[in-house]
Amino acid sequence: MPKSTKYLAKLPDAHGFIDYTAEEDAVWRDLYAMQAPQVARHSAQPYLDGLARIALPQDRVPQCPEISERLGEMTGWRVEPVPALIPFGRFFGMLADRTFPAASFMRSREDFDYIEEPDIFHELFGHTPLLTDPRFAAFSQAIGAAGRDADPKDYAWLIRLYWFTIEFGLMREGTGVKALGSGLASSPEELEWSVSGQPQYRPFDIIDILRTPYRIDIPQPIYFVLEDLDTLFAAAERDLLKDVAQAQRLGLHAPAYPPKAA
């Protein structure tokens, strides 16, 4: 996650609703119009099925209470507005409690194609479709439960499993790869890149994932590809902290990207 942001959180009223401006609604509308045909082309079927189930409004920023009501009926999850940046400990704890922390601000036109930190479009268009599926919801909750029990020194290791699956995972469909991750679905720039054949594709392996560094401010040079969803869902039954300990003993892989300029 980035350590700072230029955006300010939008605060909900007593009923959990946020007063988004007409321009913020317009950015949502234009992002949705741009991404809808792109995800139809490049995203995996589980994401597309979830997008249909959650039925987000296309012409305005959705409100967390209305999305929580739909998720609650399907998987028992809810969405809670938070500032753009929250500590890992709070993030894991919320997932463990089946609460998705949603950054409440809407990106500006300047950051239309790619935004480093999560905004409400990323949170709702990207994440809530997978949370309509009990299997993906259980996987997210398992990562949260592991993080809640982890030592803070393990947070940066454990979050890589979330990053390379829920955020930037790919899966094989037919003879090609499709985008599964939420960060891909919500990014006009990175979605097409991820399935272009130009990045490095690695088979899904939890220990390999935990050892792989990433940068948040560039399209990913490496993606992990699931051959079938059962492999992902089985990870929810593993001792993830034991996996983290094994990855730490083996050490990090060399980064596949240049260092960030100071």
Protein backbone atom coordinates (compact mmCIF):
# COMPACT_ATOMS: atom_id res chain seq x y z
CA MET A 1 0.00 0.00 0.00
CA PRO A 2 1.17 3.59 -0.53
CA LYS A 3 2.31 5.42 2.59
CA SER A 4 0.59 8.70 1.70
CA THR A 5 -2.21 9.98 -0.50
CA LYS A 6 -3.34 13.31 -1.91
CA TYR A 7 -6.97 12.32 -1.43
CA LEU A 8 -9.15 12.96 1.60
CA ALA A 9 -11.70 10.48 2.90
CA LYS A 10 -15.37 11.28 2.30
CA LEU A 11 -17.22 10.95 5.58
CA PRO A 12 -20.59 9.18 5.76
CA ASP A 13 -23.60 10.66 7.51
CA ALA A 14 -25.36 9.02 10.45
CA HIS A 15 -27.00 6.52 8.09
CA GLY A 16 -23.75 5.58 6.33
CA PHE A 17 -24.41 7.58 3.16
CA ILE A 18 -21.85 9.88 1.51
CA ASP A 19 -22.65 13.06 -0.40
CA TYR A 20 -20.78 12.56 -3.68
CA THR A 21 -20.63 15.50 -6.07
CA ALA A 22 -22.02 15.56 -9.59
CA GLU A 23 -18.46 15.42 -10.93
CA GLU A 24 -17.64 12.39 -8.80
CA ASP A 25 -20.78 10.67 -10.08
CA ALA A 26 -19.70 11.58 -13.62
CA VAL A 27 -16.23 10.05 -13.12
CA TRP A 28 -17.88 6.85 -11.85
CA ARG A 29 -20.24 6.82 -14.85
CA ASP A 30 -17.41 7.29 -17.34
CA LEU A 31 -15.17 4.71 -15.65
CA TYR A 32 -18.01 2.19 -15.63
CA ALA A 33 -18.75 2.86 -19.30
CA MET A 34 -15.08 2.36 -20.18
CA GLN A 35 -14.50 -0.74 -18.08
CA ALA A 36 -17.72 -2.66 -18.71
CA PRO A 37 -16.78 -3.76 -22.26
CA GLN A 38 -13.16 -4.31 -21.21
CA VAL A 39 -14.01 -6.66 -18.35
CA ALA A 40 -16.49 -8.45 -20.60
CA ARG A 41 -13.57 -9.15 -22.93
CA HIS A 42 -10.70 -9.74 -20.51
CA SER A 43 -12.09 -10.80 -17.11
CA ALA A 44 -12.70 -14.34 -15.90
CA GLN A 45 -16.22 -15.71 -15.65
CA PRO A 46 -16.33 -15.78 -11.81
CA TYR A 47 -15.77 -12.01 -11.76
CA LEU A 48 -18.35 -11.40 -14.50
CA ASP A 49 -20.92 -13.55 -12.70
CA GLY A 50 -20.34 -11.57 -9.53
CA LEU A 51 -20.61 -8.24 -11.34
CA ALA A 52 -24.01 -9.29 -12.62
CA ARG A 53 -25.10 -10.40 -9.14
CA ILE A 54 -24.06 -7.22 -7.36
CA ALA A 55 -25.83 -5.04 -9.97
CA LEU A 56 -23.95 -1.81 -9.28
CA PRO A 57 -25.53 1.44 -10.50
CA GLN A 58 -23.80 2.64 -13.64
CA ASP A 59 -24.58 6.35 -13.48
CA ARG A 60 -23.55 7.26 -9.92
CA VAL A 61 -21.26 6.24 -7.08
CA PRO A 62 -22.98 3.45 -5.14
CA GLN A 63 -23.57 3.84 -1.44
CA CYS A 64 -22.01 1.33 0.97
CA PRO A 65 -25.28 0.59 2.85
CA GLU A 66 -27.05 -0.49 -0.34
CA ILE A 67 -24.13 -2.71 -1.38
CA SER A 68 -23.89 -4.14 2.14
CA GLU A 69 -27.54 -5.12 2.01
CA ARG A 70 -26.98 -7.13 -1.18
CA LEU A 71 -23.76 -8.74 0.03
CA GLY A 72 -25.32 -9.58 3.37
CA GLU A 73 -28.03 -11.58 1.66
CA MET A 74 -25.50 -13.51 -0.44
CA THR A 75 -22.44 -14.08 1.75
CA GLY A 76 -22.94 -12.23 5.04
CA TRP A 77 -20.37 -9.56 4.17
CA ARG A 78 -20.73 -5.80 4.38
CA VAL A 79 -18.80 -2.78 3.13
CA GLU A 80 -17.60 -0.07 5.49
CA PRO A 81 -16.19 3.31 4.36
CA VAL A 82 -12.64 3.98 5.59
CA PRO A 83 -9.86 6.49 4.84
CA ALA A 84 -7.75 5.77 1.76
CA LEU A 85 -4.98 4.24 3.85
CA ILE A 86 -5.49 2.00 6.86
CA PRO A 87 -2.93 -0.11 8.76
CA PHE A 88 -2.49 -3.75 7.80
CA GLY A 89 -3.68 -4.85 11.24
CA ARG A 90 -7.01 -3.08 10.83
CA PHE A 91 -7.33 -4.35 7.25
CA PHE A 92 -6.84 -7.98 8.25
CA GLY A 93 -9.14 -7.61 11.25
CA MET A 94 -11.96 -6.25 9.11
CA LEU A 95 -11.64 -9.07 6.60
CA ALA A 96 -11.73 -11.58 9.44
CA ASP A 97 -15.03 -10.03 10.52
CA ARG A 98 -16.46 -10.25 6.97
CA THR A 99 -16.24 -6.49 6.55
CA PHE A 100 -14.65 -5.04 3.45
CA PRO A 101 -12.88 -1.70 4.08
CA ALA A 102 -13.75 0.61 1.22
CA ALA A 103 -11.75 3.79 0.62
CA SER A 104 -14.51 6.37 0.33
CA PHE A 105 -13.08 8.93 -2.11
CA MET A 106 -13.57 9.02 -5.88
CA ARG A 107 -10.50 9.43 -8.10
CA SER A 108 -10.07 12.63 -10.11
CA ARG A 109 -9.98 12.92 -13.90
CA GLU A 110 -6.22 13.30 -13.61
CA ASP A 111 -5.98 9.73 -12.27
CA PHE A 112 -8.70 8.31 -14.49
CA ASP A 113 -6.69 5.52 -16.14
CA TYR A 114 -4.50 4.47 -13.22
CA ILE A 115 -4.53 5.32 -9.54
CA GLU A 116 -1.91 4.11 -7.09
CA GLU A 117 -4.13 3.98 -4.01
CA PRO A 118 -7.57 2.34 -3.89
CA ASP A 119 -10.63 4.54 -4.46
CA ILE A 120 -14.34 3.77 -4.26
CA PHE A 121 -14.44 2.62 -7.89
CA HIS A 122 -11.69 0.09 -7.23
CA GLU A 123 -13.36 -1.04 -4.01
CA LEU A 124 -16.88 -1.53 -5.32
CA PHE A 125 -16.45 -2.28 -9.04
CA GLY A 126 -13.30 -4.30 -8.38
CA HIS A 127 -13.90 -6.14 -5.11
CA THR A 128 -17.59 -6.59 -4.42
CA PRO A 129 -18.29 -8.90 -7.41
CA LEU A 130 -16.01 -11.62 -5.98
CA LEU A 131 -17.48 -11.10 -2.51
CA THR A 132 -20.86 -12.24 -3.83
CA ASP A 133 -19.37 -15.75 -4.18
CA PRO A 134 -19.20 -17.62 -0.84
CA ARG A 135 -15.96 -19.34 -1.88
CA PHE A 136 -14.07 -16.13 -2.63
CA ALA A 137 -15.58 -14.53 0.45
CA ALA A 138 -14.30 -17.42 2.59
CA PHE A 139 -10.82 -17.12 1.06
CA SER A 140 -10.70 -13.39 1.88
CA GLN A 141 -11.91 -14.09 5.40
CA ALA A 142 -9.21 -16.77 5.85
CA ILE A 143 -6.48 -14.28 4.92
CA GLY A 144 -8.00 -11.81 7.37
CA ALA A 145 -8.08 -14.40 10.15
CA ALA A 146 -4.44 -15.29 9.53
CA GLY A 147 -3.48 -11.62 9.57
CA ARG A 148 -5.42 -10.99 12.76
CA ASP A 149 -3.34 -13.71 14.46
CA ALA A 150 -0.04 -12.70 12.84
CA ASP A 151 2.84 -10.78 14.29
CA PRO A 152 3.11 -7.34 12.64
CA LYS A 153 6.47 -8.37 11.15
CA ASP A 154 4.57 -10.95 9.09
CA TYR A 155 2.03 -8.55 7.60
CA ALA A 156 4.08 -7.61 4.53
CA TRP A 157 4.59 -11.30 3.76
CA LEU A 158 0.97 -12.36 4.16
CA ILE A 159 -0.44 -9.47 2.14
CA ARG A 160 1.35 -10.80 -0.95
CA LEU A 161 -1.10 -13.70 -1.07
CA TYR A 162 -3.98 -11.23 -1.21
CA TRP A 163 -2.14 -9.04 -3.71
CA PHE A 164 -1.39 -11.78 -6.24
CA THR A 165 -4.84 -13.40 -6.03
CA ILE A 166 -7.74 -11.16 -5.01
CA GLU A 167 -6.08 -8.00 -6.31
CA PHE A 168 -4.02 -9.12 -9.31
CA GLY A 169 -4.71 -12.79 -9.89
CA LEU A 170 -5.25 -14.42 -13.28
CA MET A 171 -6.90 -17.71 -14.15
CA ARG A 172 -6.86 -19.94 -17.18
CA GLU A 173 -10.03 -20.15 -19.23
CA GLY A 174 -9.90 -22.25 -22.36
CA THR A 175 -6.59 -21.70 -24.11
CA GLY A 176 -5.89 -18.26 -22.65
CA VAL A 177 -5.69 -16.36 -19.40
CA LYS A 178 -8.32 -14.02 -17.99
CA ALA A 179 -8.17 -11.42 -15.25
CA LEU A 180 -9.60 -12.43 -11.91
CA GLY A 181 -8.23 -9.77 -9.58
CA SER A 182 -10.06 -6.68 -8.43
CA GLY A 183 -7.15 -4.37 -9.13
CA LEU A 184 -7.23 -5.47 -12.75
CA ALA A 185 -10.98 -5.07 -13.21
CA SER A 186 -10.88 -1.47 -11.98
CA SER A 187 -7.76 -0.33 -13.86
CA PRO A 188 -8.20 0.70 -17.51
CA GLU A 189 -4.42 0.61 -18.01
CA GLU A 190 -3.49 -2.64 -16.29
CA LEU A 191 -6.39 -4.90 -17.28
CA GLU A 192 -5.35 -5.14 -20.93
CA TRP A 193 -1.66 -5.38 -20.02
CA SER A 194 -2.22 -8.30 -17.67
CA VAL A 195 -3.60 -10.58 -20.39
CA SER A 196 -1.43 -9.30 -23.26
CA GLY A 197 1.13 -12.09 -23.05
CA GLN A 198 3.91 -9.60 -22.27
CA PRO A 199 4.20 -10.03 -18.47
CA GLN A 200 5.76 -13.09 -16.87
CA TYR A 201 3.15 -15.72 -15.95
CA ARG A 202 3.86 -18.14 -13.12
CA PRO A 203 1.80 -21.10 -11.91
CA PHE A 204 -0.09 -20.56 -8.67
CA ASP A 205 2.08 -21.60 -5.74
CA ILE A 206 1.55 -20.13 -2.28
CA ILE A 207 5.18 -20.21 -1.16
CA ASP A 208 6.37 -18.69 -4.45
CA ILE A 209 3.74 -15.94 -4.10
CA LEU A 210 4.77 -15.13 -0.52
CA ARG A 211 8.38 -14.75 -1.66
CA THR A 212 7.62 -12.44 -4.62
CA PRO A 213 8.09 -8.68 -4.10
CA TYR A 214 5.79 -6.24 -5.87
CA ARG A 215 5.43 -2.53 -6.50
CA ILE A 216 2.09 -0.80 -6.22
CA ASP A 217 2.81 2.09 -8.58
CA ILE A 218 3.46 0.19 -11.84
CA PRO A 219 1.65 -2.48 -13.87
CA GLN A 220 2.79 -5.81 -12.49
CA PRO A 221 5.69 -7.54 -14.29
CA ILE A 222 4.63 -10.91 -12.80
CA TYR A 223 1.21 -12.53 -12.44
CA PHE A 224 0.28 -15.90 -10.96
CA VAL A 225 -2.16 -17.99 -12.98
CA LEU A 226 -4.70 -20.35 -11.43
CA GLU A 227 -5.45 -23.46 -13.43
CA ASP A 228 -8.64 -24.07 -11.43
CA LEU A 229 -10.44 -22.30 -8.61
CA ASP A 230 -10.34 -25.27 -6.23
CA THR A 231 -6.61 -24.67 -5.85
CA LEU A 232 -7.31 -21.14 -4.60
CA PHE A 233 -10.14 -22.11 -2.30
CA ALA A 234 -8.07 -24.92 -0.76
CA ALA A 235 -5.68 -22.24 0.46
CA ALA A 236 -8.35 -21.10 2.91
CA GLU A 237 -7.86 -24.39 4.77
CA ARG A 238 -4.07 -24.07 5.06
CA ASP A 239 -2.04 -22.82 7.99
CA LEU A 240 -1.10 -19.59 6.25
CA LEU A 241 1.18 -18.41 9.05
CA LYS A 242 3.15 -21.63 8.72
CA ASP A 243 3.43 -20.88 4.99
CA VAL A 244 4.69 -17.39 5.83
CA ALA A 245 7.33 -18.84 8.14
CA GLN A 246 8.52 -21.19 5.40
CA ALA A 247 8.70 -18.33 2.89
CA GLN A 248 10.71 -16.26 5.36
CA ARG A 249 13.21 -19.08 5.81
CA LEU A 250 13.67 -19.30 2.04
CA GLY A 251 13.84 -15.51 1.59
CA LEU A 252 12.50 -13.10 -0.99
CA HIS A 253 13.03 -13.54 -4.71
CA ALA A 254 14.98 -10.83 -6.49
CA PRO A 255 12.59 -8.08 -7.65
CA ALA A 256 11.50 -8.27 -11.28
CA TYR A 257 11.23 -4.49 -11.51
CA PRO A 258 13.61 -1.54 -11.18
CA PRO A 259 13.88 0.26 -7.83
CA LYS A 260 11.52 3.17 -7.31
CA ALA A 261 13.15 6.52 -7.92
CA ALA A 262 13.77 8.49 -4.77
